[in-house]
Protein backbone atom coordinates (compact mmCIF):
# COMPACT_ATOMS: atom_id res chain seq x y z
CA UNK A 1 -1.74 -1.15 -7.87
CA UNK A 2 -0.37 -4.65 -7.43
CA UNK A 3 -2.87 -7.50 -7.02
CA UNK A 4 -1.89 -10.05 -4.39
CA UNK A 5 -3.82 -13.28 -3.83
CA UNK A 6 -3.13 -15.22 -0.65
CA UNK A 7 -4.25 -18.85 -0.49
CA UNK A 8 -4.74 -20.55 2.87
CA UNK A 9 -4.68 -24.35 2.90
CA UNK A 10 -3.79 -25.42 6.45
CA UNK A 11 -6.09 -26.19 9.35
CA UNK A 12 -6.34 -23.80 12.28
CA UNK A 13 -3.64 -23.96 14.92
CA UNK A 14 -0.66 -26.22 15.20
CA UNK A 15 1.36 -24.15 12.71
CA UNK A 16 2.05 -20.48 12.12
CA UNK A 17 1.21 -20.61 8.41
CA UNK A 18 -2.13 -18.86 8.65
CA UNK A 19 -0.94 -16.22 11.10
CA UNK A 20 1.97 -15.39 8.79
CA UNK A 21 -0.40 -15.20 5.83
CA UNK A 22 -2.79 -12.89 7.66
CA UNK A 23 0.06 -10.64 8.77
CA UNK A 24 1.29 -10.49 5.18
CA UNK A 25 -2.22 -9.72 3.91
CA UNK A 26 -2.74 -6.86 6.34
CA UNK A 27 0.72 -5.46 5.69
CA UNK A 28 0.23 -5.62 1.92
CA UNK A 29 -3.19 -3.98 2.17
CA UNK A 30 -1.75 -1.19 4.33
CA UNK A 31 0.64 -0.43 1.46
CA UNK A 32 -2.35 -0.02 -0.86
CA UNK A 33 -2.01 -3.32 -2.66
CA UNK A 34 -5.22 -5.04 -3.73
CA UNK A 35 -5.38 -8.16 -1.58
CA UNK A 36 -7.69 -11.11 -2.08
CA UNK A 37 -7.87 -14.17 0.16
CA UNK A 38 -8.76 -17.76 -0.69
CA UNK A 39 -9.58 -20.40 1.91
CA UNK A 40 -9.51 -23.98 0.67
CA UNK A 41 -8.94 -27.49 1.99
CA UNK A 42 -8.82 -27.57 5.80
CA UNK A 43 -8.27 -23.79 5.93
CA UNK A 44 -12.03 -23.26 5.63
CA UNK A 45 -12.16 -24.30 9.29
CA UNK A 46 -10.65 -20.89 10.10
CA UNK A 47 -13.94 -19.33 9.05
CA UNK A 48 -15.96 -20.99 11.81
CA UNK A 49 -16.98 -18.83 14.82
CA UNK A 50 -16.35 -19.39 18.52
CA UNK A 51 -12.97 -21.05 18.21
CA UNK A 52 -11.01 -21.46 21.43
CA UNK A 53 -7.41 -21.09 20.31
CA UNK A 54 -6.06 -21.04 23.84
CA UNK A 55 -7.15 -24.66 24.32
CA UNK A 56 -4.82 -25.58 21.46
CA UNK A 57 -2.00 -23.52 22.97
CA UNK A 58 -2.32 -20.81 20.33
CA UNK A 59 -3.28 -17.15 20.12
CA UNK A 60 -6.68 -16.20 18.75
CA UNK A 61 -5.71 -14.63 15.44
CA UNK A 62 -9.00 -15.59 13.81
CA UNK A 63 -10.57 -12.54 15.49
CA UNK A 64 -8.40 -10.44 13.16
CA UNK A 65 -10.58 -11.60 10.25
CA UNK A 66 -13.16 -9.02 11.29
CA UNK A 67 -10.58 -6.30 10.50
CA UNK A 68 -10.43 -7.20 6.81
CA UNK A 69 -12.93 -4.46 5.98
CA UNK A 70 -10.78 -1.86 7.73
CA UNK A 71 -7.88 -2.82 5.48
CA UNK A 72 -10.14 -2.83 2.42
CA UNK A 73 -9.69 -6.55 1.88
CA UNK A 74 -12.97 -7.11 0.11
CA UNK A 75 -12.40 -10.37 -1.74
CA UNK A 76 -12.55 -13.35 0.59
CA UNK A 77 -13.30 -16.61 -1.19
CA UNK A 78 -14.11 -19.98 0.39
CA UNK A 79 -13.93 -23.16 -1.66
CA UNK A 80 -17.36 -24.75 -1.94
CA UNK A 81 -15.94 -28.26 -2.40
CA UNK A 82 -13.87 -27.90 0.79
CA UNK A 83 -16.86 -26.63 2.78
CA UNK A 84 -19.01 -29.48 1.45
CA UNK A 85 -16.33 -32.09 2.24
CA UNK A 86 -16.20 -30.87 5.84
CA UNK A 87 -19.97 -30.51 6.17
CA UNK A 88 -19.87 -26.75 6.72
CA UNK A 89 -22.80 -24.59 5.64
CA UNK A 90 -22.35 -21.00 4.47
CA UNK A 91 -24.58 -19.79 7.31
CA UNK A 92 -22.08 -21.15 9.84
CA UNK A 93 -19.22 -18.87 8.76
CA UNK A 94 -18.00 -16.15 11.13
CA UNK A 95 -17.23 -13.67 8.35
CA UNK A 96 -18.77 -12.80 5.03
CA UNK A 97 -16.97 -14.95 2.48
CA UNK A 98 -18.02 -15.72 -1.07
CA UNK A 99 -18.60 -19.45 -1.52
CA UNK A 100 -17.14 -20.30 -4.91
CA UNK A 101 -16.33 -23.18 -7.21
CA UNK A 102 -12.79 -24.10 -8.27
CA UNK A 103 -13.14 -22.21 -11.56
CA UNK A 104 -13.67 -18.92 -9.71
CA UNK A 105 -10.63 -19.58 -7.55
CA UNK A 106 -8.59 -20.34 -10.66
CA UNK A 107 -9.71 -17.06 -12.21
CA UNK A 108 -8.72 -15.14 -9.06
CA UNK A 109 -5.28 -16.74 -9.12
CA UNK A 110 -4.83 -15.96 -12.82
CA UNK A 111 -5.84 -12.33 -12.24
CA UNK A 112 -3.28 -11.79 -9.47
CA UNK A 113 0.17 -10.33 -10.02
CA UNK A 114 1.49 -12.38 -7.13
CA UNK A 115 0.14 -15.53 -5.45
CA UNK A 116 1.32 -16.76 -2.07
CA UNK A 117 0.24 -20.02 -0.42
CA UNK A 118 0.18 -20.45 3.34
């Protein structure tokens, strides 16, 4: 089984980067690849609940995050430094993500067969 790690770095809305990354993650997982996700920098904002994508002229793809379990995407990491920099507490997140230090993210990247950044 191939291990794929997808790193999200862009803020919600305004670009299609995250939507493309999510689509790729779900597609990869449906082909029985082991998918892990990493949210860092402004991408941790995707993990906040009650977003109103339509106000930004976008579709609400963040709701798809709740389907990660159905696709057996079990490893979802959020960068602690990014959360701290944006003043976000773990209890505020809409999904269950592991809050990790940079060393853990580096280990996840090193363990992957393929790394994609969106």
